[in-house]
Amino acid sequence: MTVLSVNVNKVAVLRNSRGGLEPRVTRAAEVAIAAGAGGITVHPRPDRRHIRPADVDALAALVAGRAEYNLEGNPFAPPRDDYPGFLALVERVRPTQATLVPDGDGQITSDHGFDLARDADRLRPLVAELKAMGVRVSLFVDAGAPALDRAAEIGADRIEIYTGPYAEAHAAGMAGPELERCAETARRARALGLGVNAGHDLSQENLGDFLRAVPGVLEVSIGHALIGEALYAGLDTTVRAYLDIIAASRQGS
C-alpha cells in the first residue's frame, strides 16, 4: 500500500502570517496520524518562511513510533540565523527519511529535480553521511530524468518524482504524456533497485489516475492541496478521503 505522508508546511504558513502559536503544526500532525496517515512531511527552509527548526523538533517527538517522518530540504544550503543546515537538522531528529531537494530561497515552491549527471558527485558524500545516521535517502527528480543510475550508484534508497507537470497536464485534460513519463521513470528506478516516491500538486482530483498508471509508488507526499481541501471538509475527513483513493487505486490496478 502506498503511504500517505501529510505535509504540514501550509499550517505553519498560516501560523506565521499572524504570529503566535496557532494553528499548531503538531495538532495538525496529530489529527492526520489519528485519521490514518502513515507519515508526516516537513520542508524546513533557511528563510523559515513556514516550518522552523523548533517545529522539526516538536514533530519528531510527536511522530516517533507512530508514523514515518520525512524531512525535505536542500543539503547544500548553508546555516543561517537559527537554521543549522539540513544535515544538522537530520542528525538532530533522525527522521525516517531525508528527501534531498535542489531548491533555493527565490523559489516559491520546489519546481525541479536534481540534474543527476551534474549533481551526483556532490551528493555522494552527503548521501553517505545521512545513511550513516540510519536515515533513508530519497532524491527529488523530474519525470523523465536521465542518469537515474547515478542515484543508485551514490547510494540513494529512493527517488521522489516531481509531479507538478503531471498535475498541470491533468487539470488541462492532457495527462497522458506526463503520466507515461512518470510511469517510465518509475519503471527505470525500480529496475535499478530504487524505491519510488512522488509528490507536488497531487490532489484528490488527480491522485487516483496517477497511482493507477505509475507502478510501485511507495509514498506520496501531499500538502498544499490537502490542507486547502481541509479548509472546506476538515482535516480528518480529507486525510481519510485520500486514503480511500489510495486503497481504491490499488484494488483497480
C-alpha atoms as a PDB file:
ATOM      1  CA  MET A   1       0.000   0.000   0.000  1.00  0.00           C
ATOM      2  CA  THR A   2       1.225   3.487  -0.833  1.00  0.00           C
ATOM      3  CA  VAL A   3       1.971   5.531   2.296  1.00  0.00           C
ATOM      4  CA  LEU A   4       0.257   8.924   2.546  1.00  0.00           C
ATOM      5  CA  SER A   5       2.666  11.414   4.099  1.00  0.00           C
ATOM      6  CA  VAL A   6       0.884  14.647   5.000  1.00  0.00           C
ATOM      7  CA  ASN A   7       2.964  17.792   4.517  1.00  0.00           C
ATOM      8  CA  VAL A   8       2.065  20.342   7.201  1.00  0.00           C
ATOM      9  CA  ASN A   9       4.105  23.262   5.836  1.00  0.00           C
ATOM     10  CA  LYS A  10       0.965  25.239   4.950  1.00  0.00           C
ATOM     11  CA  VAL A  11      -0.251  25.051   8.540  1.00  0.00           C
ATOM     12  CA  ALA A  12       2.957  26.813   9.539  1.00  0.00           C
ATOM     13  CA  VAL A  13       2.451  29.417   6.786  1.00  0.00           C
ATOM     14  CA  LEU A  14      -0.926  30.315   8.293  1.00  0.00           C
ATOM     15  CA  ARG A  15       0.516  30.462  11.807  1.00  0.00           C
ATOM     16  CA  ASN A  16       3.427  32.640  10.730  1.00  0.00           C
ATOM     17  CA  SER A  17       1.159  35.073   8.881  1.00  0.00           C
ATOM     18  CA  ARG A  18      -0.341  36.144  12.207  1.00  0.00           C
ATOM     19  CA  GLY A  19       2.388  35.324  14.696  1.00  0.00           C
ATOM     20  CA  GLY A  20       1.864  33.340  17.862  1.00  0.00           C
ATOM     21  CA  LEU A  21       1.292  29.594  18.031  1.00  0.00           C
ATOM     22  CA  GLU A  22      -1.982  28.951  16.220  1.00  0.00           C
ATOM     23  CA  PRO A  23      -2.729  26.927  14.216  1.00  0.00           C
ATOM     24  CA  ARG A  24      -0.319  24.393  15.677  1.00  0.00           C
ATOM     25  CA  VAL A  25       1.565  22.133  13.287  1.00  0.00           C
ATOM     26  CA  THR A  26       1.742  19.477  15.980  1.00  0.00           C
ATOM     27  CA  ARG A  27      -2.055  19.446  16.303  1.00  0.00           C
ATOM     28  CA  ALA A  28      -2.431  19.115  12.526  1.00  0.00           C
ATOM     29  CA  ALA A  29       0.034  16.225  12.507  1.00  0.00           C
ATOM     30  CA  GLU A  30      -1.820  14.590  15.405  1.00  0.00           C
ATOM     31  CA  VAL A  31      -5.136  14.767  13.536  1.00  0.00           C
ATOM     32  CA  ALA A  32      -3.561  13.416  10.333  1.00  0.00           C
ATOM     33  CA  ILE A  33      -1.981  10.445  12.110  1.00  0.00           C
ATOM     34  CA  ALA A  34      -5.186   9.675  14.011  1.00  0.00           C
ATOM     35  CA  ALA A  35      -7.043   9.668  10.673  1.00  0.00           C
ATOM     36  CA  GLY A  36      -4.623   7.054   9.321  1.00  0.00           C
ATOM     37  CA  ALA A  37      -1.810   8.959   7.607  1.00  0.00           C
ATOM     38  CA  GLY A  38       1.319   6.847   7.512  1.00  0.00           C
ATOM     39  CA  GLY A  39       3.726   9.755   7.550  1.00  0.00           C
ATOM     40  CA  ILE A  40       4.308  13.430   8.219  1.00  0.00           C
ATOM     41  CA  THR A  41       6.449  15.564   5.907  1.00  0.00           C
ATOM     42  CA  VAL A  42       8.019  18.966   6.534  1.00  0.00           C
ATOM     43  CA  HIS A  43      10.349  21.067   4.411  1.00  0.00           C
ATOM     44  CA  PRO A  44      12.246  23.492   6.647  1.00  0.00           C
ATOM     45  CA  ARG A  45      13.896  26.272   4.632  1.00  0.00           C
ATOM     46  CA  PRO A  46      16.727  28.571   5.696  1.00  0.00           C
ATOM     47  CA  ASP A  47      14.428  31.625   5.452  1.00  0.00           C
ATOM     48  CA  ARG A  48      11.992  29.974   7.899  1.00  0.00           C
ATOM     49  CA  ARG A  49       9.012  31.004   5.755  1.00  0.00           C
ATOM     50  CA  HIS A  50       6.960  28.170   7.226  1.00  0.00           C
ATOM     51  CA  ILE A  51       8.418  25.247   9.196  1.00  0.00           C
ATOM     52  CA  ARG A  52      11.037  26.329  11.732  1.00  0.00           C
ATOM     53  CA  PRO A  53      13.733  24.254  13.426  1.00  0.00           C
ATOM     54  CA  ALA A  54      11.683  24.175  16.639  1.00  0.00           C
ATOM     55  CA  ASP A  55       8.786  22.662  14.665  1.00  0.00           C
ATOM     56  CA  VAL A  56      11.107  19.974  13.335  1.00  0.00           C
ATOM     57  CA  ASP A  57      11.976  19.013  16.914  1.00  0.00           C
ATOM     58  CA  ALA A  58       8.393  19.084  18.184  1.00  0.00           C
ATOM     59  CA  LEU A  59       7.098  16.994  15.294  1.00  0.00           C
ATOM     60  CA  ALA A  60       9.877  14.441  15.728  1.00  0.00           C
ATOM     61  CA  ALA A  61       8.760  13.864  19.300  1.00  0.00           C
ATOM     62  CA  LEU A  62       5.098  13.594  18.283  1.00  0.00           C
ATOM     63  CA  VAL A  63       5.622  11.273  15.317  1.00  0.00           C
ATOM     64  CA  ALA A  64       8.135   8.905  16.921  1.00  0.00           C
ATOM     65  CA  GLY A  65       6.916   5.305  16.847  1.00  0.00           C
ATOM     66  CA  ARG A  66       3.583   6.280  15.286  1.00  0.00           C
ATOM     67  CA  ALA A  67       4.301   7.208  11.665  1.00  0.00           C
ATOM     68  CA  GLU A  68       7.150   7.875   9.279  1.00  0.00           C
ATOM     69  CA  TYR A  69       8.851  11.258   9.465  1.00  0.00           C
ATOM     70  CA  ASN A  70      10.095  12.747   6.203  1.00  0.00           C
ATOM     71  CA  LEU A  71      12.375  15.779   6.295  1.00  0.00           C
ATOM     72  CA  GLU A  72      12.849  17.570   2.966  1.00  0.00           C
ATOM     73  CA  GLY A  73      15.472  20.163   2.180  1.00  0.00           C
ATOM     74  CA  ASN A  74      18.427  21.402   0.211  1.00  0.00           C
ATOM     75  CA  PRO A  75      21.554  19.754   1.639  1.00  0.00           C
ATOM     76  CA  PHE A  76      23.762  22.466   0.111  1.00  0.00           C
ATOM     77  CA  ALA A  77      22.031  25.427   1.789  1.00  0.00           C
ATOM     78  CA  PRO A  78      24.370  26.903   4.432  1.00  0.00           C
ATOM     79  CA  PRO A  79      23.348  27.567   8.047  1.00  0.00           C
ATOM     80  CA  ARG A  80      21.626  30.887   8.684  1.00  0.00           C
ATOM     81  CA  ASP A  81      20.365  32.501  11.894  1.00  0.00           C
ATOM     82  CA  ASP A  82      18.739  29.653  13.846  1.00  0.00           C
ATOM     83  CA  TYR A  83      18.629  27.353  10.798  1.00  0.00           C
ATOM     84  CA  PRO A  84      21.551  24.990  11.447  1.00  0.00           C
ATOM     85  CA  GLY A  85      21.692  23.427   7.972  1.00  0.00           C
ATOM     86  CA  PHE A  86      19.731  20.478   6.627  1.00  0.00           C
ATOM     87  CA  LEU A  87      22.142  17.721   7.631  1.00  0.00           C
ATOM     88  CA  ALA A  88      22.415  19.140  11.132  1.00  0.00           C
ATOM     89  CA  LEU A  89      18.624  19.056  11.470  1.00  0.00           C
ATOM     90  CA  VAL A  90      18.539  15.462  10.247  1.00  0.00           C
ATOM     91  CA  GLU A  91      21.238  14.467  12.699  1.00  0.00           C
ATOM     92  CA  ARG A  92      19.294  16.148  15.495  1.00  0.00           C
ATOM     93  CA  VAL A  93      15.969  14.346  14.946  1.00  0.00           C
ATOM     94  CA  ARG A  94      16.887  11.225  12.894  1.00  0.00           C
ATOM     95  CA  PRO A  95      13.761  11.114  10.695  1.00  0.00           C
ATOM     96  CA  THR A  96      12.721   8.008   8.821  1.00  0.00           C
ATOM     97  CA  GLN A  97      13.622   9.642   5.533  1.00  0.00           C
ATOM     98  CA  ALA A  98      15.579  12.616   4.232  1.00  0.00           C
ATOM     99  CA  THR A  99      14.384  13.871   0.851  1.00  0.00           C
ATOM    100  CA  LEU A 100      17.049  15.985  -0.823  1.00  0.00           C
ATOM    101  CA  VAL A 101      15.658  18.815  -2.959  1.00  0.00           C
ATOM    102  CA  PRO A 102      17.600  21.381  -5.063  1.00  0.00           C
ATOM    103  CA  ASP A 103      15.565  24.438  -4.069  1.00  0.00           C
ATOM    104  CA  GLY A 104      16.631  27.980  -3.297  1.00  0.00           C
ATOM    105  CA  ASP A 105      15.224  30.997  -1.470  1.00  0.00           C
ATOM    106  CA  GLY A 106      13.952  32.500  -4.710  1.00  0.00           C
ATOM    107  CA  GLN A 107      11.576  29.601  -5.358  1.00  0.00           C
ATOM    108  CA  ILE A 108       8.036  29.854  -4.040  1.00  0.00           C
ATOM    109  CA  THR A 109       7.980  26.065  -4.009  1.00  0.00           C
ATOM    110  CA  SER A 110      10.146  23.221  -5.294  1.00  0.00           C
ATOM    111  CA  ASP A 111       9.864  23.258  -9.085  1.00  0.00           C
ATOM    112  CA  HIS A 112      12.557  20.943 -10.443  1.00  0.00           C
ATOM    113  CA  GLY A 113      14.623  17.919  -9.538  1.00  0.00           C
ATOM    114  CA  PHE A 114      18.351  17.274  -9.399  1.00  0.00           C
ATOM    115  CA  ASP A 115      20.421  17.005 -12.563  1.00  0.00           C
ATOM    116  CA  LEU A 116      21.977  13.712 -11.518  1.00  0.00           C
ATOM    117  CA  ALA A 117      24.639  13.732 -14.224  1.00  0.00           C
ATOM    118  CA  ARG A 118      25.859  17.046 -12.825  1.00  0.00           C
ATOM    119  CA  ASP A 119      25.000  16.768  -9.124  1.00  0.00           C
ATOM    120  CA  ALA A 120      25.695  13.132  -8.218  1.00  0.00           C
ATOM    121  CA  ASP A 121      29.325  13.613  -7.210  1.00  0.00           C
ATOM    122  CA  ARG A 122      28.404  16.499  -4.896  1.00  0.00           C
ATOM    123  CA  LEU A 123      25.561  14.482  -3.413  1.00  0.00           C
ATOM    124  CA  ARG A 124      27.570  11.294  -2.858  1.00  0.00           C
ATOM    125  CA  PRO A 125      29.250  12.225   0.470  1.00  0.00           C
ATOM    126  CA  LEU A 126      26.032  13.746   1.808  1.00  0.00           C
ATOM    127  CA  VAL A 127      24.060  10.617   0.986  1.00  0.00           C
ATOM    128  CA  ALA A 128      26.712   8.552   2.750  1.00  0.00           C
ATOM    129  CA  GLU A 129      26.564  10.805   5.798  1.00  0.00           C
ATOM    130  CA  LEU A 130      22.791  10.572   6.010  1.00  0.00           C
ATOM    131  CA  LYS A 131      22.788   6.811   5.621  1.00  0.00           C
ATOM    132  CA  ALA A 132      25.384   6.556   8.385  1.00  0.00           C
ATOM    133  CA  MET A 133      22.794   8.247  10.613  1.00  0.00           C
ATOM    134  CA  GLY A 134      20.379   5.405   9.807  1.00  0.00           C
ATOM    135  CA  VAL A 135      18.164   7.621   7.638  1.00  0.00           C
ATOM    136  CA  ARG A 136      16.603   6.537   4.345  1.00  0.00           C
ATOM    137  CA  VAL A 137      17.600   8.872   1.500  1.00  0.00           C
ATOM    138  CA  SER A 138      15.375   9.976  -1.381  1.00  0.00           C
ATOM    139  CA  LEU A 139      16.381  12.297  -4.230  1.00  0.00           C
ATOM    140  CA  PHE A 140      13.900  14.677  -5.871  1.00  0.00           C
ATOM    141  CA  VAL A 141      13.961  14.175  -9.653  1.00  0.00           C
ATOM    142  CA  ASP A 142      11.989  15.254 -12.699  1.00  0.00           C
ATOM    143  CA  ALA A 143       9.863  12.740 -14.576  1.00  0.00           C
ATOM    144  CA  GLY A 144      11.951  11.527 -17.493  1.00  0.00           C
ATOM    145  CA  ALA A 145      15.200  12.420 -15.731  1.00  0.00           C
ATOM    146  CA  PRO A 146      18.273  10.831 -17.317  1.00  0.00           C
ATOM    147  CA  ALA A 147      21.121   9.297 -15.317  1.00  0.00           C
ATOM    148  CA  LEU A 148      18.935   7.600 -12.714  1.00  0.00           C
ATOM    149  CA  ASP A 149      21.689   5.031 -12.450  1.00  0.00           C
ATOM    150  CA  ARG A 150      23.765   7.708 -10.710  1.00  0.00           C
ATOM    151  CA  ALA A 151      21.188   7.868  -7.903  1.00  0.00           C
ATOM    152  CA  ALA A 152      21.637   4.164  -7.277  1.00  0.00           C
ATOM    153  CA  GLU A 153      25.409   4.407  -7.695  1.00  0.00           C
ATOM    154  CA  ILE A 154      25.797   7.055  -4.962  1.00  0.00           C
ATOM    155  CA  GLY A 155      23.692   5.048  -2.505  1.00  0.00           C
ATOM    156  CA  ALA A 156      20.268   6.692  -2.572  1.00  0.00           C
ATOM    157  CA  ASP A 157      17.419   4.439  -1.461  1.00  0.00           C
ATOM    158  CA  ARG A 158      14.612   6.126  -3.375  1.00  0.00           C
ATOM    159  CA  ILE A 159      13.705   8.852  -5.801  1.00  0.00           C
ATOM    160  CA  GLU A 160      10.763  11.225  -5.479  1.00  0.00           C
ATOM    161  CA  ILE A 161       9.197  12.037  -8.831  1.00  0.00           C
ATOM    162  CA  TYR A 162       8.273  15.710  -9.176  1.00  0.00           C
ATOM    163  CA  THR A 163       4.611  15.575 -10.187  1.00  0.00           C
ATOM    164  CA  GLY A 164       3.937  19.269 -10.794  1.00  0.00           C
ATOM    165  CA  PRO A 165       3.911  18.966 -14.614  1.00  0.00           C
ATOM    166  CA  TYR A 166       1.620  15.927 -14.374  1.00  0.00           C
ATOM    167  CA  ALA A 167      -0.844  17.832 -12.177  1.00  0.00           C
ATOM    168  CA  GLU A 168      -0.856  20.768 -14.580  1.00  0.00           C
ATOM    169  CA  ALA A 169      -1.427  18.476 -17.564  1.00  0.00           C
ATOM    170  CA  HIS A 170      -4.184  16.612 -15.711  1.00  0.00           C
ATOM    171  CA  ALA A 171      -6.009  19.864 -14.978  1.00  0.00           C
ATOM    172  CA  ALA A 172      -5.823  20.696 -18.697  1.00  0.00           C
ATOM    173  CA  GLY A 173      -7.224  17.288 -19.680  1.00  0.00           C
ATOM    174  CA  MET A 174      -3.946  16.200 -21.281  1.00  0.00           C
ATOM    175  CA  ALA A 175      -2.388  13.963 -18.631  1.00  0.00           C
ATOM    176  CA  GLY A 176      -1.419  11.039 -20.881  1.00  0.00           C
ATOM    177  CA  PRO A 177       2.122  12.009 -21.932  1.00  0.00           C
ATOM    178  CA  GLU A 178       3.114  13.191 -18.436  1.00  0.00           C
ATOM    179  CA  LEU A 179       1.657  10.061 -16.871  1.00  0.00           C
ATOM    180  CA  GLU A 180       3.732   7.917 -19.204  1.00  0.00           C
ATOM    181  CA  ARG A 181       6.864   9.923 -18.371  1.00  0.00           C
ATOM    182  CA  CYS A 182       6.227   9.324 -14.667  1.00  0.00           C
ATOM    183  CA  ALA A 183       5.487   5.631 -15.216  1.00  0.00           C
ATOM    184  CA  GLU A 184       8.599   5.130 -17.329  1.00  0.00           C
ATOM    185  CA  THR A 185      10.722   6.883 -14.704  1.00  0.00           C
ATOM    186  CA  ALA A 186       9.275   4.628 -12.005  1.00  0.00           C
ATOM    187  CA  ARG A 187       9.973   1.519 -14.064  1.00  0.00           C
ATOM    188  CA  ARG A 188      13.598   2.572 -14.643  1.00  0.00           C
ATOM    189  CA  ALA A 189      14.085   3.390 -10.978  1.00  0.00           C
ATOM    190  CA  ARG A 190      12.693   0.070  -9.801  1.00  0.00           C
ATOM    191  CA  ALA A 191      14.912  -1.805 -12.278  1.00  0.00           C
ATOM    192  CA  LEU A 192      17.876  -0.083 -10.611  1.00  0.00           C
ATOM    193  CA  GLY A 193      16.718  -1.172  -7.149  1.00  0.00           C
ATOM    194  CA  LEU A 194      15.440   2.280  -6.181  1.00  0.00           C
ATOM    195  CA  GLY A 195      12.147   2.818  -4.386  1.00  0.00           C
ATOM    196  CA  VAL A 196       9.706   5.320  -5.868  1.00  0.00           C
ATOM    197  CA  ASN A 197       8.013   8.218  -4.071  1.00  0.00           C
ATOM    198  CA  ALA A 198       6.018  11.030  -5.649  1.00  0.00           C
ATOM    199  CA  GLY A 199       4.889  14.497  -4.734  1.00  0.00           C
ATOM    200  CA  HIS A 200       3.938  18.035  -5.684  1.00  0.00           C
ATOM    201  CA  ASP A 201       0.470  19.285  -6.602  1.00  0.00           C
ATOM    202  CA  LEU A 202      -1.100  15.874  -6.148  1.00  0.00           C
ATOM    203  CA  SER A 203      -4.743  16.217  -5.123  1.00  0.00           C
ATOM    204  CA  GLN A 204      -7.930  14.220  -4.718  1.00  0.00           C
ATOM    205  CA  GLU A 205      -8.718  15.028  -8.340  1.00  0.00           C
ATOM    206  CA  ASN A 206      -5.534  13.593  -9.853  1.00  0.00           C
ATOM    207  CA  LEU A 207      -4.091  11.126  -7.336  1.00  0.00           C
ATOM    208  CA  GLY A 208      -6.127   8.075  -8.359  1.00  0.00           C
ATOM    209  CA  ASP A 209      -5.184   8.359 -12.029  1.00  0.00           C
ATOM    210  CA  PHE A 210      -1.547   8.754 -11.061  1.00  0.00           C
ATOM    211  CA  LEU A 211      -1.418   5.694  -8.829  1.00  0.00           C
ATOM    212  CA  ARG A 212      -3.249   3.509 -11.337  1.00  0.00           C
ATOM    213  CA  ALA A 213      -0.731   4.411 -14.058  1.00  0.00           C
ATOM    214  CA  VAL A 214       2.570   4.562 -12.161  1.00  0.00           C
ATOM    215  CA  PRO A 215       3.851   1.254 -10.790  1.00  0.00           C
ATOM    216  CA  GLY A 216       5.116   0.634  -7.294  1.00  0.00           C
ATOM    217  CA  VAL A 217       4.723   4.065  -5.690  1.00  0.00           C
ATOM    218  CA  LEU A 218       5.760   3.625  -2.068  1.00  0.00           C
ATOM    219  CA  GLU A 219       4.875   7.096  -0.765  1.00  0.00           C
ATOM    220  CA  VAL A 220       3.012  10.200  -1.840  1.00  0.00           C
ATOM    221  CA  SER A 221       3.780  13.436  -0.013  1.00  0.00           C
ATOM    222  CA  ILE A 222       0.828  15.834  -0.218  1.00  0.00           C
ATOM    223  CA  GLY A 223       0.471  19.208   1.455  1.00  0.00           C
ATOM    224  CA  HIS A 224      -0.811  22.226  -0.452  1.00  0.00           C
ATOM    225  CA  ALA A 225      -3.910  20.616  -1.976  1.00  0.00           C
ATOM    226  CA  LEU A 226      -4.689  18.522   1.101  1.00  0.00           C
ATOM    227  CA  ILE A 227      -4.556  21.451   3.527  1.00  0.00           C
ATOM    228  CA  GLY A 228      -6.567  23.592   1.106  1.00  0.00           C
ATOM    229  CA  GLU A 229      -9.248  20.917   0.770  1.00  0.00           C
ATOM    230  CA  ALA A 230      -9.281  20.504   4.545  1.00  0.00           C
ATOM    231  CA  LEU A 231     -10.377  24.138   4.941  1.00  0.00           C
ATOM    232  CA  TYR A 232     -13.729  23.066   3.496  1.00  0.00           C
ATOM    233  CA  ALA A 233     -14.131  19.482   4.634  1.00  0.00           C
ATOM    234  CA  GLY A 234     -11.967  19.249   7.756  1.00  0.00           C
ATOM    235  CA  LEU A 235      -8.546  17.661   8.126  1.00  0.00           C
ATOM    236  CA  ASP A 236      -9.687  14.279   9.447  1.00  0.00           C
ATOM    237  CA  THR A 237     -12.239  13.867   6.636  1.00  0.00           C
ATOM    238  CA  THR A 238      -9.754  14.971   3.978  1.00  0.00           C
ATOM    239  CA  VAL A 239      -6.987  12.608   5.102  1.00  0.00           C
ATOM    240  CA  ARG A 240      -9.471   9.724   5.102  1.00  0.00           C
ATOM    241  CA  ALA A 241     -10.615  10.676   1.595  1.00  0.00           C
ATOM    242  CA  TYR A 242      -7.037  10.458   0.330  1.00  0.00           C
ATOM    243  CA  LEU A 243      -6.585   7.080   1.981  1.00  0.00           C
ATOM    244  CA  ASP A 244      -9.748   5.851   0.257  1.00  0.00           C
ATOM    245  CA  ILE A 245      -8.359   6.990  -3.103  1.00  0.00           C
ATOM    246  CA  ILE A 246      -5.088   5.160  -2.450  1.00  0.00           C
ATOM    247  CA  ALA A 247      -6.918   1.965  -1.471  1.00  0.00           C
ATOM    248  CA  ALA A 248      -9.237   2.133  -4.485  1.00  0.00           C
ATOM    249  CA  SER A 249      -6.367   2.731  -6.927  1.00  0.00           C
ATOM    250  CA  ARG A 250      -4.635  -0.443  -5.805  1.00  0.00           C
ATOM    251  CA  GLN A 251      -7.810  -2.541  -5.993  1.00  0.00           C
ATOM    252  CA  GLY A 252      -8.347  -1.405  -9.561  1.00  0.00           C
ATOM    253  CA  SER A 253      -4.764  -1.827 -10.780  1.00  0.00           C
END
